Amino acid sequence: MMIEKDVVNQMLEKHVETRSDDYWKKIIEDFQKIHENEERMERQLELEEIQRLKEETRKLQEANKQVEDVNRQIEQMNQVMKQGIKAMLSNGMSLELISKSLSKSEDEIMELLK
């Protein structure tokens, strides 16, 4: 009977050790999964931030293009106005009359002609 108790005790000890190892293995695996999920979430947040920055950059580039287009149109309009002013001056119109006609000061007109 003593031998049987020893064998049973050994089996129980072995079972407890095995169970304990499995338990710790499970805890370690769970911890690793949690850590991996946290890393995935961080990468996902980083990717979302990159996408947001790309979208903002695209919008800024579009806005810059629109500003360039408007500046180009303004320059074209100034060229047309400059040609008109030169034509008026060459036809003998006074700077004062041109100034009143265009609602611009004489200084503005002279600056435009430069």
C-alpha atoms as a PDB file:
ATOM      1  CA  MET A   1       0.000   0.000   0.000  1.00  0.00           C
ATOM      2  CA  MET A   2       2.874   2.373   0.699  1.00  0.00           C
ATOM      3  CA  ILE A   3       4.256   1.850  -2.780  1.00  0.00           C
ATOM      4  CA  GLU A   4       0.910   2.673  -4.288  1.00  0.00           C
ATOM      5  CA  LYS A   5       0.736   5.922  -2.308  1.00  0.00           C
ATOM      6  CA  ASP A   6       4.177   6.888  -3.516  1.00  0.00           C
ATOM      7  CA  VAL A   7       3.224   6.209  -7.110  1.00  0.00           C
ATOM      8  CA  VAL A   8      -0.008   8.150  -6.727  1.00  0.00           C
ATOM      9  CA  ASN A   9       1.842  11.011  -5.045  1.00  0.00           C
ATOM     10  CA  GLN A  10       4.408  11.043  -7.830  1.00  0.00           C
ATOM     11  CA  MET A  11       1.657  11.017 -10.424  1.00  0.00           C
ATOM     12  CA  LEU A  12      -0.121  13.882  -8.644  1.00  0.00           C
ATOM     13  CA  GLU A  13       3.077  15.889  -8.361  1.00  0.00           C
ATOM     14  CA  LYS A  14       3.790  15.283 -12.027  1.00  0.00           C
ATOM     15  CA  HIS A  15       0.249  16.321 -12.898  1.00  0.00           C
ATOM     16  CA  VAL A  16       0.509  19.512 -10.815  1.00  0.00           C
ATOM     17  CA  GLU A  17       3.888  20.376 -12.378  1.00  0.00           C
ATOM     18  CA  THR A  18       2.573  19.737 -15.864  1.00  0.00           C
ATOM     19  CA  ARG A  19      -0.548  21.678 -15.186  1.00  0.00           C
ATOM     20  CA  SER A  20       1.438  24.500 -13.722  1.00  0.00           C
ATOM     21  CA  ASP A  21       3.735  24.605 -16.754  1.00  0.00           C
ATOM     22  CA  ASP A  22       0.737  24.603 -19.064  1.00  0.00           C
ATOM     23  CA  TYR A  23      -0.807  27.370 -17.037  1.00  0.00           C
ATOM     24  CA  TRP A  24       2.315  29.526 -17.296  1.00  0.00           C
ATOM     25  CA  LYS A  25       2.679  28.712 -20.955  1.00  0.00           C
ATOM     26  CA  LYS A  26      -0.893  29.882 -21.473  1.00  0.00           C
ATOM     27  CA  ILE A  27      -0.229  33.113 -19.568  1.00  0.00           C
ATOM     28  CA  ILE A  28       2.914  33.742 -21.627  1.00  0.00           C
ATOM     29  CA  GLU A  29       1.065  33.031 -24.878  1.00  0.00           C
ATOM     30  CA  ASP A  30      -1.764  35.336 -23.847  1.00  0.00           C
ATOM     31  CA  PHE A  31       0.706  38.054 -22.968  1.00  0.00           C
ATOM     32  CA  GLN A  32       2.459  37.623 -26.327  1.00  0.00           C
ATOM     33  CA  LYS A  33      -0.876  37.862 -28.146  1.00  0.00           C
ATOM     34  CA  ILE A  34      -1.783  41.013 -26.224  1.00  0.00           C
ATOM     35  CA  HIS A  35       1.616  42.516 -27.060  1.00  0.00           C
ATOM     36  CA  GLU A  36       1.245  41.583 -30.742  1.00  0.00           C
ATOM     37  CA  ASN A  37      -2.230  43.121 -30.818  1.00  0.00           C
ATOM     38  CA  GLU A  38      -0.907  46.316 -29.244  1.00  0.00           C
ATOM     39  CA  GLU A  39       1.835  46.488 -31.863  1.00  0.00           C
ATOM     40  CA  ARG A  40      -0.730  45.930 -34.632  1.00  0.00           C
ATOM     41  CA  MET A  41      -2.908  48.671 -33.214  1.00  0.00           C
ATOM     42  CA  GLU A  42       0.063  51.051 -33.031  1.00  0.00           C
ATOM     43  CA  ARG A  43       0.982  50.269 -36.642  1.00  0.00           C
ATOM     44  CA  GLN A  44      -2.635  50.774 -37.675  1.00  0.00           C
ATOM     45  CA  LEU A  45      -2.729  54.153 -35.935  1.00  0.00           C
ATOM     46  CA  GLU A  46       0.543  55.118 -37.596  1.00  0.00           C
ATOM     47  CA  LEU A  47      -0.842  54.101 -40.990  1.00  0.00           C
ATOM     48  CA  GLU A  48      -4.006  56.105 -40.384  1.00  0.00           C
ATOM     49  CA  GLU A  49      -1.913  59.140 -39.415  1.00  0.00           C
ATOM     50  CA  ILE A  50       0.182  58.728 -42.568  1.00  0.00           C
ATOM     51  CA  GLN A  51      -2.988  58.513 -44.676  1.00  0.00           C
ATOM     52  CA  ARG A  52      -4.355  61.642 -42.985  1.00  0.00           C
ATOM     53  CA  LEU A  53      -1.098  63.497 -43.643  1.00  0.00           C
ATOM     54  CA  LYS A  54      -1.092  62.337 -47.268  1.00  0.00           C
ATOM     55  CA  GLU A  55      -4.644  63.638 -47.692  1.00  0.00           C
ATOM     56  CA  GLU A  56      -3.732  66.978 -46.108  1.00  0.00           C
ATOM     57  CA  THR A  57      -0.680  67.205 -48.368  1.00  0.00           C
ATOM     58  CA  ARG A  58      -2.835  66.471 -51.414  1.00  0.00           C
ATOM     59  CA  LYS A  59      -5.307  69.184 -50.380  1.00  0.00           C
ATOM     60  CA  LEU A  60      -2.473  71.680 -49.824  1.00  0.00           C
ATOM     61  CA  GLN A  61      -1.028  70.844 -53.235  1.00  0.00           C
ATOM     62  CA  GLU A  62      -4.438  71.415 -54.827  1.00  0.00           C
ATOM     63  CA  ALA A  63      -4.788  74.721 -52.982  1.00  0.00           C
ATOM     64  CA  ASN A  64      -1.292  75.780 -54.103  1.00  0.00           C
ATOM     65  CA  LYS A  65      -2.195  74.912 -57.685  1.00  0.00           C
ATOM     66  CA  GLN A  66      -5.353  77.007 -57.438  1.00  0.00           C
ATOM     67  CA  VAL A  67      -3.354  79.921 -56.025  1.00  0.00           C
ATOM     68  CA  GLU A  68      -0.868  79.583 -58.888  1.00  0.00           C
ATOM     69  CA  ASP A  69      -3.744  79.534 -61.394  1.00  0.00           C
ATOM     70  CA  VAL A  70      -5.282  82.661 -59.840  1.00  0.00           C
ATOM     71  CA  ASN A  71      -1.900  84.418 -59.807  1.00  0.00           C
ATOM     72  CA  ARG A  72      -1.436  83.516 -63.463  1.00  0.00           C
ATOM     73  CA  GLN A  73      -4.891  84.905 -64.283  1.00  0.00           C
ATOM     74  CA  ILE A  74      -4.132  88.104 -62.366  1.00  0.00           C
ATOM     75  CA  GLU A  75      -0.881  88.486 -64.269  1.00  0.00           C
ATOM     76  CA  GLN A  76      -2.718  87.995 -67.564  1.00  0.00           C
ATOM     77  CA  MET A  77      -5.334  90.583 -66.580  1.00  0.00           C
ATOM     78  CA  ASN A  78      -2.566  93.012 -65.597  1.00  0.00           C
ATOM     79  CA  GLN A  79      -0.944  92.501 -68.997  1.00  0.00           C
ATOM     80  CA  VAL A  80      -4.242  93.238 -70.764  1.00  0.00           C
ATOM     81  CA  MET A  81      -4.760  96.325 -68.576  1.00  0.00           C
ATOM     82  CA  LYS A  82      -1.178  97.428 -69.272  1.00  0.00           C
ATOM     83  CA  GLN A  83      -1.749  97.111 -73.023  1.00  0.00           C
ATOM     84  CA  GLY A  84      -5.010  99.069 -72.716  1.00  0.00           C
ATOM     85  CA  ILE A  85      -3.330 101.849 -70.745  1.00  0.00           C
ATOM     86  CA  LYS A  86      -0.502 102.058 -73.282  1.00  0.00           C
ATOM     87  CA  ALA A  87      -3.055 102.269 -76.079  1.00  0.00           C
ATOM     88  CA  MET A  88      -4.945 105.045 -74.270  1.00  0.00           C
ATOM     89  CA  LEU A  89      -1.731 106.985 -73.661  1.00  0.00           C
ATOM     90  CA  SER A  90      -0.609 106.578 -77.276  1.00  0.00           C
ATOM     91  CA  ASN A  91      -4.001 107.900 -78.432  1.00  0.00           C
ATOM     92  CA  GLY A  92      -3.404 111.077 -76.425  1.00  0.00           C
ATOM     93  CA  MET A  93      -5.537 110.340 -73.352  1.00  0.00           C
ATOM     94  CA  SER A  94      -4.172 112.016 -70.248  1.00  0.00           C
ATOM     95  CA  LEU A  95      -2.947 110.040 -67.249  1.00  0.00           C
ATOM     96  CA  GLU A  96      -5.515 111.889 -65.132  1.00  0.00           C
ATOM     97  CA  LEU A  97      -8.404 110.759 -67.370  1.00  0.00           C
ATOM     98  CA  ILE A  98      -7.090 107.181 -67.471  1.00  0.00           C
ATOM     99  CA  SER A  99      -6.816 107.262 -63.681  1.00  0.00           C
ATOM    100  CA  LYS A 100     -10.456 108.352 -63.327  1.00  0.00           C
ATOM    101  CA  SER A 101     -11.636 105.860 -65.940  1.00  0.00           C
ATOM    102  CA  LEU A 102      -9.958 102.892 -64.264  1.00  0.00           C
ATOM    103  CA  SER A 103     -10.578 104.032 -60.672  1.00  0.00           C
ATOM    104  CA  LYS A 104      -6.865 103.729 -59.964  1.00  0.00           C
ATOM    105  CA  SER A 105      -4.428 106.326 -58.764  1.00  0.00           C
ATOM    106  CA  GLU A 106      -1.890 107.735 -61.171  1.00  0.00           C
ATOM    107  CA  ASP A 107       0.843 106.068 -59.099  1.00  0.00           C
ATOM    108  CA  GLU A 108      -0.887 102.680 -59.453  1.00  0.00           C
ATOM    109  CA  ILE A 109      -1.098 103.145 -63.186  1.00  0.00           C
ATOM    110  CA  MET A 110       2.561 104.117 -63.431  1.00  0.00           C
ATOM    111  CA  GLU A 111       3.514 101.103 -61.285  1.00  0.00           C
ATOM    112  CA  LEU A 112       1.480  98.852 -63.595  1.00  0.00           C
ATOM    113  CA  LEU A 113       3.313 100.214 -66.632  1.00  0.00           C
ATOM    114  CA  LYS A 114       6.741  99.261 -65.214  1.00  0.00           C
END
